[in-house]
Every structure is written in structure tokens, then in C-alpha cells.
């Protein structure tokens, strides 16, 4: 229906990121999604989400 990319861009921006598209005729299209590594207010890193380290350590950031 043509709503996918506008919704994806809006969600990226709501999370403090961006979505850009670069297209070249007869070559292809590149989509780039940039999101902040952490958000203020007690963000939990990917390691904790994947079971890589305890949540209290992930929230503190790298040591």
C-alpha cells in the first residue's frame, strides 16, 4: 500500500535515528537505518537483551 517506508522512517525518528534511501538507476537501492546505541534514562545494551551480561552491568555501559 506504500505505507511501509514512511512508517519505518517515522519509527526511526521517534527513536532518535534516521532512515535514508539512496537509489541508482540500473544499480540498486541502499537503505540505511541509523539508531542511537543507547537512550538516556536507563537503556539496556544488546548484550543483556541477548543474555550476554547481567542487566545492571549492561545499563552501566562499557567498563
C-alpha atoms as a PDB file:
ATOM      1  CA  UNK A   1       0.000   0.000   0.000  1.00  0.00           C
ATOM      2  CA  UNK A   2       3.030   2.282   0.055  1.00  0.00           C
ATOM      3  CA  UNK A   3       2.978   2.921   3.805  1.00  0.00           C
ATOM      4  CA  UNK A   4       5.981   0.790   4.805  1.00  0.00           C
ATOM      5  CA  UNK A   5       8.813   3.255   4.214  1.00  0.00           C
ATOM      6  CA  UNK A   6       7.055   6.298   5.720  1.00  0.00           C
ATOM      7  CA  UNK A   7       6.183   4.247   8.812  1.00  0.00           C
ATOM      8  CA  UNK A   8       9.735   2.905   9.083  1.00  0.00           C
ATOM      9  CA  UNK A   9      11.150   6.435   8.825  1.00  0.00           C
ATOM     10  CA  UNK A  10       8.717   7.734  11.452  1.00  0.00           C
ATOM     11  CA  UNK A  11       9.621   4.911  13.859  1.00  0.00           C
ATOM     12  CA  UNK A  12      13.338   5.517  13.332  1.00  0.00           C
ATOM     13  CA  UNK A  13      12.906   9.231  14.054  1.00  0.00           C
ATOM     14  CA  UNK A  14      10.805   8.531  17.159  1.00  0.00           C
ATOM     15  CA  UNK A  15      13.764   6.526  18.469  1.00  0.00           C
ATOM     16  CA  UNK A  16      16.219   9.327  17.723  1.00  0.00           C
ATOM     17  CA  UNK A  17      17.501   7.823  14.486  1.00  0.00           C
ATOM     18  CA  UNK A  18      17.016   8.135  10.766  1.00  0.00           C
ATOM     19  CA  UNK A  19      16.190   6.139   7.661  1.00  0.00           C
ATOM     20  CA  UNK A  20      17.637   7.189   4.319  1.00  0.00           C
ATOM     21  CA  UNK A  21      17.419   5.695   0.846  1.00  0.00           C
ATOM     22  CA  UNK A  22      19.932   6.035  -1.969  1.00  0.00           C
ATOM     23  CA  UNK A  23      18.961   4.701  -5.373  1.00  0.00           C
ATOM     24  CA  UNK A  24      20.945   4.499  -8.600  1.00  0.00           C
ATOM     25  CA  UNK A  25      19.312   3.524 -11.863  1.00  0.00           C
ATOM     26  CA  UNK A  26      20.339   0.046 -13.072  1.00  0.00           C
ATOM     27  CA  UNK A  27      22.436  -0.484  -9.918  1.00  0.00           C
ATOM     28  CA  UNK A  28      20.048  -0.752  -6.984  1.00  0.00           C
ATOM     29  CA  UNK A  29      18.876   0.875  -3.801  1.00  0.00           C
ATOM     30  CA  UNK A  30      20.615   1.139  -0.441  1.00  0.00           C
ATOM     31  CA  UNK A  31      18.571   1.680   2.717  1.00  0.00           C
ATOM     32  CA  UNK A  32      20.446   2.981   5.766  1.00  0.00           C
ATOM     33  CA  UNK A  33      18.862   2.783   9.214  1.00  0.00           C
ATOM     34  CA  UNK A  34      20.740   4.635  11.951  1.00  0.00           C
ATOM     35  CA  UNK A  35      19.688   4.288  15.590  1.00  0.00           C
ATOM     36  CA  UNK A  36      21.428   5.564  18.717  1.00  0.00           C
ATOM     37  CA  UNK A  37      23.476   2.934  20.556  1.00  0.00           C
ATOM     38  CA  UNK A  38      21.822   3.840  23.856  1.00  0.00           C
ATOM     39  CA  UNK A  39      18.983   6.027  25.022  1.00  0.00           C
ATOM     40  CA  UNK A  40      19.024   8.216  28.113  1.00  0.00           C
ATOM     41  CA  UNK A  41      17.099   7.002  31.134  1.00  0.00           C
ATOM     42  CA  UNK A  42      18.444   3.519  31.811  1.00  0.00           C
ATOM     43  CA  UNK A  43      18.853   1.919  28.417  1.00  0.00           C
ATOM     44  CA  UNK A  44      19.853  -1.729  28.377  1.00  0.00           C
ATOM     45  CA  UNK A  45      22.517  -2.799  25.897  1.00  0.00           C
ATOM     46  CA  UNK A  46      22.212  -5.597  23.363  1.00  0.00           C
ATOM     47  CA  UNK A  47      24.365  -7.893  25.481  1.00  0.00           C
ATOM     48  CA  UNK A  48      21.751  -8.015  28.217  1.00  0.00           C
ATOM     49  CA  UNK A  49      18.887  -8.443  25.769  1.00  0.00           C
ATOM     50  CA  UNK A  50      20.654 -11.431  24.234  1.00  0.00           C
ATOM     51  CA  UNK A  51      21.657 -12.848  27.617  1.00  0.00           C
ATOM     52  CA  UNK A  52      25.277 -11.746  27.174  1.00  0.00           C
ATOM     53  CA  UNK A  53      25.697  -9.974  30.512  1.00  0.00           C
ATOM     54  CA  UNK A  54      23.624  -9.056  33.574  1.00  0.00           C
ATOM     55  CA  UNK A  55      21.199  -6.128  33.030  1.00  0.00           C
ATOM     56  CA  UNK A  56      22.811  -3.973  35.749  1.00  0.00           C
ATOM     57  CA  UNK A  57      26.192  -4.233  34.015  1.00  0.00           C
ATOM     58  CA  UNK A  58      24.754  -3.577  30.534  1.00  0.00           C
ATOM     59  CA  UNK A  59      22.942  -0.442  31.741  1.00  0.00           C
ATOM     60  CA  UNK A  60      26.197   0.895  33.192  1.00  0.00           C
ATOM     61  CA  UNK A  61      27.895   0.713  29.800  1.00  0.00           C
ATOM     62  CA  UNK A  62      31.407  -0.469  28.979  1.00  0.00           C
ATOM     63  CA  UNK A  63      33.913  -0.572  31.829  1.00  0.00           C
END
